[in-house]
Amino acid sequence: MYTFQALTDFSLSSTLALRACLEWAKRTGIKTTLTHINNFLYEYGVDPIGPMKENIREKIDQQLKEAATNREGVDALIAENTLESGLEEVVKDENTKIIFVGAKGHGLVSRILVGSTSEKLLHMANQPVV
């Protein structure tokens, strides 16, 4: 069964990408997976157990509620991984047909220092990225 993947970091741009994904899913009947790559433990040495993990789950549920009145056919996934490994998991999924991701439009300095998730995804994915 084919799926759409919507990646979220809870930003406005990822919320807009999720809304676009849900609209496409509604028109095509394709299931959607909302994914948050939880890289706190791997990138920052913080273990997101307990309240922090619950907070992330609450944010995903809130984002789903805000973006779609009918949540049928939408799954949420928290991937515990580094950003790069988490993105690799997303693009390796053979059932994923389109990946939706928000782009914040940070300036050049931010992109050089922090990087761009959407840009990394564009280079890694064989699927279309919207």
N, C-alpha and C. Protein backbone atom coordinates (compact mmCIF):
# COMPACT_ATOMS: atom_id res chain seq x y z
N MET A 1 0.85 -1.18 0.00
CA MET A 1 0.00 0.00 0.00
C MET A 1 0.89 1.24 0.00
N TYR A 2 0.61 2.17 -0.86
CA TYR A 2 1.37 3.39 -0.96
C TYR A 2 1.03 4.35 0.17
N THR A 3 2.02 5.18 0.55
CA THR A 3 1.79 6.19 1.58
C THR A 3 2.45 7.50 1.16
N PHE A 4 1.96 8.57 1.75
CA PHE A 4 2.63 9.86 1.70
C PHE A 4 3.31 10.04 3.05
N GLN A 5 4.49 10.64 3.07
CA GLN A 5 5.20 10.96 4.30
C GLN A 5 5.19 12.47 4.48
N ALA A 6 4.79 12.92 5.65
CA ALA A 6 4.88 14.35 5.99
C ALA A 6 5.81 14.46 7.18
N LEU A 7 6.92 15.17 7.01
CA LEU A 7 7.88 15.35 8.10
C LEU A 7 7.53 16.61 8.87
N THR A 8 7.64 16.55 10.19
CA THR A 8 7.31 17.72 11.00
C THR A 8 8.37 18.03 12.03
N ASP A 9 8.59 19.31 12.24
CA ASP A 9 9.37 19.80 13.37
C ASP A 9 8.51 20.78 14.16
N PHE A 10 7.21 20.77 13.89
CA PHE A 10 6.20 21.58 14.56
C PHE A 10 6.25 23.06 14.17
N SER A 11 6.97 23.38 13.13
CA SER A 11 7.05 24.77 12.66
C SER A 11 5.83 25.08 11.78
N LEU A 12 5.65 26.35 11.48
CA LEU A 12 4.57 26.77 10.60
C LEU A 12 4.74 26.14 9.21
N SER A 13 5.97 26.13 8.71
CA SER A 13 6.17 25.58 7.36
C SER A 13 5.88 24.08 7.30
N SER A 14 6.21 23.34 8.37
CA SER A 14 5.89 21.91 8.34
C SER A 14 4.39 21.67 8.51
N THR A 15 3.70 22.56 9.24
CA THR A 15 2.25 22.46 9.36
C THR A 15 1.59 22.69 8.01
N LEU A 16 2.09 23.66 7.26
CA LEU A 16 1.55 23.92 5.92
C LEU A 16 1.83 22.75 4.98
N ALA A 17 3.02 22.13 5.10
CA ALA A 17 3.34 20.96 4.29
C ALA A 17 2.41 19.80 4.64
N LEU A 18 2.11 19.64 5.92
CA LEU A 18 1.18 18.58 6.35
C LEU A 18 -0.21 18.83 5.77
N ARG A 19 -0.66 20.06 5.80
CA ARG A 19 -1.98 20.37 5.23
C ARG A 19 -2.04 20.03 3.75
N ALA A 20 -0.97 20.37 3.02
CA ALA A 20 -0.92 20.03 1.59
C ALA A 20 -0.93 18.52 1.42
N CYS A 21 -0.18 17.82 2.24
CA CYS A 21 -0.13 16.36 2.18
C CYS A 21 -1.52 15.76 2.41
N LEU A 22 -2.20 16.25 3.43
CA LEU A 22 -3.54 15.72 3.74
C LEU A 22 -4.53 16.01 2.62
N GLU A 23 -4.39 17.15 1.98
CA GLU A 23 -5.27 17.46 0.85
C GLU A 23 -5.02 16.49 -0.30
N TRP A 24 -3.76 16.22 -0.60
CA TRP A 24 -3.44 15.25 -1.66
C TRP A 24 -3.95 13.87 -1.27
N ALA A 25 -3.79 13.50 0.00
CA ALA A 25 -4.24 12.19 0.47
C ALA A 25 -5.76 12.06 0.35
N LYS A 26 -6.45 13.13 0.66
CA LYS A 26 -7.91 13.14 0.57
C LYS A 26 -8.36 12.92 -0.88
N ARG A 27 -7.67 13.55 -1.81
CA ARG A 27 -8.03 13.44 -3.23
C ARG A 27 -7.68 12.08 -3.82
N THR A 28 -6.61 11.47 -3.30
CA THR A 28 -6.13 10.22 -3.90
C THR A 28 -6.50 8.98 -3.09
N GLY A 29 -6.86 9.17 -1.83
CA GLY A 29 -7.16 8.03 -0.96
C GLY A 29 -5.92 7.34 -0.43
N ILE A 30 -4.77 7.96 -0.58
CA ILE A 30 -3.52 7.37 -0.11
C ILE A 30 -3.29 7.74 1.36
N LYS A 31 -2.86 6.77 2.13
CA LYS A 31 -2.61 6.93 3.56
C LYS A 31 -1.43 7.88 3.80
N THR A 32 -1.47 8.59 4.92
CA THR A 32 -0.41 9.54 5.27
C THR A 32 0.25 9.13 6.58
N THR A 33 1.57 9.27 6.62
CA THR A 33 2.32 9.08 7.87
C THR A 33 2.98 10.40 8.22
N LEU A 34 2.66 10.91 9.40
CA LEU A 34 3.29 12.12 9.92
C LEU A 34 4.48 11.69 10.76
N THR A 35 5.67 12.14 10.41
CA THR A 35 6.89 11.69 11.08
C THR A 35 7.65 12.85 11.70
N HIS A 36 8.02 12.65 12.95
CA HIS A 36 8.91 13.58 13.64
C HIS A 36 10.18 12.80 13.97
N ILE A 37 11.32 13.26 13.49
CA ILE A 37 12.58 12.59 13.79
C ILE A 37 13.12 13.18 15.08
N ASN A 38 13.05 12.38 16.14
CA ASN A 38 13.47 12.82 17.46
C ASN A 38 14.96 12.56 17.61
N ASN A 39 15.75 13.59 17.37
CA ASN A 39 17.20 13.42 17.38
C ASN A 39 17.86 14.02 18.62
N PHE A 40 17.08 14.31 19.66
CA PHE A 40 17.64 14.92 20.86
C PHE A 40 18.75 14.06 21.48
N LEU A 41 18.47 12.76 21.64
CA LEU A 41 19.42 11.87 22.29
C LEU A 41 20.70 11.76 21.48
N TYR A 42 20.55 11.65 20.16
CA TYR A 42 21.71 11.41 19.30
C TYR A 42 22.50 12.67 19.00
N GLU A 43 21.83 13.77 18.86
CA GLU A 43 22.50 15.01 18.47
C GLU A 43 22.94 15.85 19.68
N TYR A 44 22.12 15.81 20.75
CA TYR A 44 22.37 16.72 21.86
C TYR A 44 22.64 16.02 23.19
N GLY A 45 22.61 14.69 23.21
CA GLY A 45 22.87 13.94 24.43
C GLY A 45 21.76 14.01 25.45
N VAL A 46 20.55 14.38 25.03
CA VAL A 46 19.40 14.47 25.93
C VAL A 46 18.47 13.30 25.63
N ASP A 47 18.14 12.54 26.66
CA ASP A 47 17.27 11.38 26.48
C ASP A 47 15.81 11.83 26.60
N PRO A 48 15.04 11.76 25.52
CA PRO A 48 13.65 12.26 25.54
C PRO A 48 12.67 11.26 26.13
N ILE A 49 12.95 10.79 27.33
CA ILE A 49 12.08 9.84 28.00
C ILE A 49 11.09 10.62 28.87
N GLY A 50 9.95 10.02 29.08
CA GLY A 50 8.98 10.60 30.00
C GLY A 50 8.32 11.85 29.47
N PRO A 51 8.34 12.95 30.27
CA PRO A 51 7.61 14.17 29.91
C PRO A 51 8.00 14.75 28.56
N MET A 52 9.29 14.72 28.21
CA MET A 52 9.71 15.29 26.94
C MET A 52 9.10 14.50 25.78
N LYS A 53 9.13 13.17 25.89
CA LYS A 53 8.56 12.34 24.83
C LYS A 53 7.05 12.54 24.75
N GLU A 54 6.40 12.65 25.90
CA GLU A 54 4.96 12.90 25.92
C GLU A 54 4.64 14.25 25.29
N ASN A 55 5.49 15.24 25.53
CA ASN A 55 5.29 16.56 24.93
C ASN A 55 5.37 16.48 23.41
N ILE A 56 6.33 15.71 22.90
CA ILE A 56 6.45 15.53 21.46
C ILE A 56 5.20 14.85 20.91
N ARG A 57 4.73 13.80 21.58
CA ARG A 57 3.51 13.10 21.14
C ARG A 57 2.32 14.05 21.16
N GLU A 58 2.22 14.88 22.20
CA GLU A 58 1.13 15.85 22.28
C GLU A 58 1.19 16.85 21.14
N LYS A 59 2.40 17.29 20.78
CA LYS A 59 2.55 18.24 19.67
C LYS A 59 2.14 17.59 18.35
N ILE A 60 2.51 16.33 18.15
CA ILE A 60 2.11 15.63 16.93
C ILE A 60 0.58 15.51 16.88
N ASP A 61 -0.02 15.09 18.00
CA ASP A 61 -1.48 14.98 18.04
C ASP A 61 -2.16 16.32 17.80
N GLN A 62 -1.61 17.38 18.41
CA GLN A 62 -2.17 18.72 18.21
C GLN A 62 -2.07 19.14 16.75
N GLN A 63 -0.92 18.87 16.14
CA GLN A 63 -0.72 19.25 14.74
C GLN A 63 -1.69 18.48 13.84
N LEU A 64 -1.89 17.22 14.13
CA LEU A 64 -2.84 16.43 13.35
C LEU A 64 -4.26 16.98 13.50
N LYS A 65 -4.64 17.32 14.73
CA LYS A 65 -5.98 17.86 14.96
C LYS A 65 -6.18 19.19 14.25
N GLU A 66 -5.15 20.03 14.29
CA GLU A 66 -5.25 21.33 13.64
C GLU A 66 -5.30 21.21 12.13
N ALA A 67 -4.61 20.23 11.58
CA ALA A 67 -4.49 20.13 10.13
C ALA A 67 -5.62 19.35 9.48
N ALA A 68 -6.26 18.48 10.22
CA ALA A 68 -7.27 17.63 9.58
C ALA A 68 -8.42 17.36 10.53
N THR A 69 -9.62 17.58 10.05
CA THR A 69 -10.77 17.25 10.87
C THR A 69 -11.02 15.75 10.85
N ASN A 70 -10.73 15.11 9.75
CA ASN A 70 -10.87 13.66 9.63
C ASN A 70 -9.48 13.03 9.61
N ARG A 71 -9.10 12.39 10.72
CA ARG A 71 -7.77 11.83 10.85
C ARG A 71 -7.69 10.39 10.35
N GLU A 72 -8.74 9.90 9.77
CA GLU A 72 -8.72 8.53 9.26
C GLU A 72 -7.66 8.41 8.18
N GLY A 73 -6.87 7.35 8.27
CA GLY A 73 -5.82 7.13 7.28
C GLY A 73 -4.55 7.90 7.55
N VAL A 74 -4.42 8.47 8.78
CA VAL A 74 -3.21 9.21 9.14
C VAL A 74 -2.58 8.55 10.36
N ASP A 75 -1.32 8.17 10.23
CA ASP A 75 -0.56 7.61 11.34
C ASP A 75 0.51 8.60 11.76
N ALA A 76 0.89 8.55 13.03
CA ALA A 76 1.98 9.39 13.51
C ALA A 76 3.13 8.49 13.95
N LEU A 77 4.34 8.93 13.67
CA LEU A 77 5.53 8.15 13.99
C LEU A 77 6.58 9.07 14.57
N ILE A 78 7.17 8.66 15.69
CA ILE A 78 8.32 9.37 16.24
C ILE A 78 9.52 8.47 15.99
N ALA A 79 10.42 8.91 15.13
CA ALA A 79 11.62 8.13 14.81
C ALA A 79 12.74 8.56 15.73
N GLU A 80 13.26 7.64 16.52
CA GLU A 80 14.36 7.92 17.44
C GLU A 80 15.66 7.67 16.69
N ASN A 81 16.29 8.73 16.21
CA ASN A 81 17.46 8.56 15.37
C ASN A 81 18.17 9.89 15.17
N THR A 82 19.34 9.84 14.56
CA THR A 82 19.96 11.08 14.12
C THR A 82 19.14 11.60 12.95
N LEU A 83 19.29 12.85 12.64
CA LEU A 83 18.53 13.42 11.53
C LEU A 83 18.83 12.69 10.22
N GLU A 84 20.12 12.49 9.94
CA GLU A 84 20.49 11.85 8.68
C GLU A 84 19.96 10.42 8.60
N SER A 85 20.10 9.65 9.69
CA SER A 85 19.61 8.27 9.69
C SER A 85 18.09 8.23 9.61
N GLY A 86 17.44 9.17 10.29
CA GLY A 86 15.98 9.24 10.22
C GLY A 86 15.50 9.54 8.81
N LEU A 87 16.19 10.47 8.14
CA LEU A 87 15.83 10.79 6.76
C LEU A 87 16.08 9.59 5.85
N GLU A 88 17.16 8.86 6.10
CA GLU A 88 17.44 7.65 5.31
C GLU A 88 16.32 6.64 5.45
N GLU A 89 15.79 6.47 6.67
CA GLU A 89 14.67 5.55 6.88
C GLU A 89 13.46 5.98 6.07
N VAL A 90 13.19 7.27 6.05
CA VAL A 90 12.03 7.79 5.31
C VAL A 90 12.18 7.52 3.81
N VAL A 91 13.35 7.81 3.26
CA VAL A 91 13.51 7.68 1.81
C VAL A 91 13.66 6.22 1.38
N LYS A 92 14.06 5.33 2.30
CA LYS A 92 14.19 3.91 1.97
C LYS A 92 12.85 3.19 1.91
N ASP A 93 11.83 3.77 2.52
CA ASP A 93 10.51 3.13 2.54
C ASP A 93 9.97 3.05 1.12
N GLU A 94 9.91 1.84 0.59
CA GLU A 94 9.49 1.64 -0.80
C GLU A 94 8.03 1.99 -1.04
N ASN A 95 7.24 2.02 0.03
CA ASN A 95 5.82 2.34 -0.11
C ASN A 95 5.56 3.85 -0.16
N THR A 96 6.56 4.63 0.27
CA THR A 96 6.40 6.09 0.26
C THR A 96 6.51 6.61 -1.17
N LYS A 97 5.47 7.27 -1.62
CA LYS A 97 5.44 7.77 -2.99
C LYS A 97 5.80 9.25 -3.09
N ILE A 98 5.42 10.03 -2.10
CA ILE A 98 5.75 11.46 -2.08
C ILE A 98 6.09 11.84 -0.65
N ILE A 99 7.11 12.69 -0.47
CA ILE A 99 7.50 13.18 0.84
C ILE A 99 7.19 14.67 0.89
N PHE A 100 6.50 15.08 1.94
CA PHE A 100 6.14 16.48 2.15
C PHE A 100 6.97 17.02 3.31
N VAL A 101 7.61 18.16 3.10
CA VAL A 101 8.43 18.76 4.14
C VAL A 101 8.36 20.29 4.01
N GLY A 102 8.36 20.96 5.13
CA GLY A 102 8.36 22.42 5.11
C GLY A 102 9.78 22.94 5.00
N ALA A 103 9.91 24.09 4.37
CA ALA A 103 11.21 24.77 4.29
C ALA A 103 11.04 26.13 4.95
N LYS A 104 11.87 26.40 5.93
CA LYS A 104 11.71 27.64 6.71
C LYS A 104 12.27 28.86 6.02
N GLY A 105 13.18 28.68 5.10
CA GLY A 105 13.74 29.83 4.41
C GLY A 105 14.74 30.62 5.24
N HIS A 106 15.52 29.90 6.05
CA HIS A 106 16.57 30.57 6.82
C HIS A 106 17.59 31.18 5.87
N GLY A 107 18.32 32.13 6.36
CA GLY A 107 19.34 32.78 5.56
C GLY A 107 20.55 31.89 5.33
N LEU A 108 21.47 32.39 4.56
CA LEU A 108 22.67 31.65 4.17
C LEU A 108 23.50 31.23 5.38
N VAL A 109 23.68 32.11 6.34
CA VAL A 109 24.50 31.79 7.51
C VAL A 109 23.88 30.64 8.30
N SER A 110 22.58 30.68 8.52
CA SER A 110 21.91 29.58 9.24
C SER A 110 22.04 28.28 8.49
N ARG A 111 21.90 28.31 7.17
CA ARG A 111 22.02 27.08 6.39
C ARG A 111 23.42 26.51 6.46
N ILE A 112 24.43 27.39 6.47
CA ILE A 112 25.81 26.91 6.55
C ILE A 112 26.10 26.32 7.93
N LEU A 113 25.64 26.98 8.98
CA LEU A 113 25.93 26.53 10.34
C LEU A 113 25.08 25.34 10.76
N VAL A 114 23.81 25.36 10.45
CA VAL A 114 22.89 24.34 10.92
C VAL A 114 22.57 23.33 9.83
N GLY A 115 22.48 23.78 8.60
CA GLY A 115 22.08 22.90 7.51
C GLY A 115 20.60 23.03 7.26
N SER A 116 20.15 22.39 6.23
CA SER A 116 18.74 22.45 5.88
C SER A 116 18.22 21.03 5.71
N THR A 117 17.23 20.68 6.54
CA THR A 117 16.65 19.34 6.46
C THR A 117 16.04 19.10 5.09
N SER A 118 15.31 20.08 4.59
CA SER A 118 14.66 19.89 3.29
C SER A 118 15.70 19.75 2.19
N GLU A 119 16.80 20.49 2.29
CA GLU A 119 17.85 20.38 1.29
C GLU A 119 18.52 19.00 1.34
N LYS A 120 18.79 18.51 2.54
CA LYS A 120 19.37 17.16 2.70
C LYS A 120 18.43 16.12 2.10
N LEU A 121 17.15 16.29 2.38
CA LEU A 121 16.16 15.34 1.88
C LEU A 121 16.11 15.33 0.36
N LEU A 122 16.20 16.49 -0.25
CA LEU A 122 16.19 16.58 -1.72
C LEU A 122 17.33 15.78 -2.34
N HIS A 123 18.49 15.80 -1.68
CA HIS A 123 19.65 15.08 -2.20
C HIS A 123 19.56 13.57 -1.96
N MET A 124 18.84 13.17 -0.92
CA MET A 124 18.78 11.75 -0.55
C MET A 124 17.64 11.00 -1.22
N ALA A 125 16.55 11.66 -1.47
CA ALA A 125 15.31 10.98 -1.86
C ALA A 125 15.26 10.63 -3.34
N ASN A 126 14.73 9.46 -3.62
CA ASN A 126 14.38 9.08 -5.00
C ASN A 126 12.93 9.46 -5.29
N GLN A 127 12.15 9.63 -4.24
CA GLN A 127 10.75 10.02 -4.39
C GLN A 127 10.66 11.54 -4.59
N PRO A 128 9.55 11.98 -5.16
CA PRO A 128 9.33 13.42 -5.25
C PRO A 128 9.22 14.03 -3.84
N VAL A 129 9.78 15.22 -3.66
CA VAL A 129 9.71 15.94 -2.40
C VAL A 129 8.96 17.24 -2.67
N VAL A 130 7.88 17.44 -1.92
CA VAL A 130 7.05 18.62 -2.08
C VAL A 130 7.22 19.49 -0.86
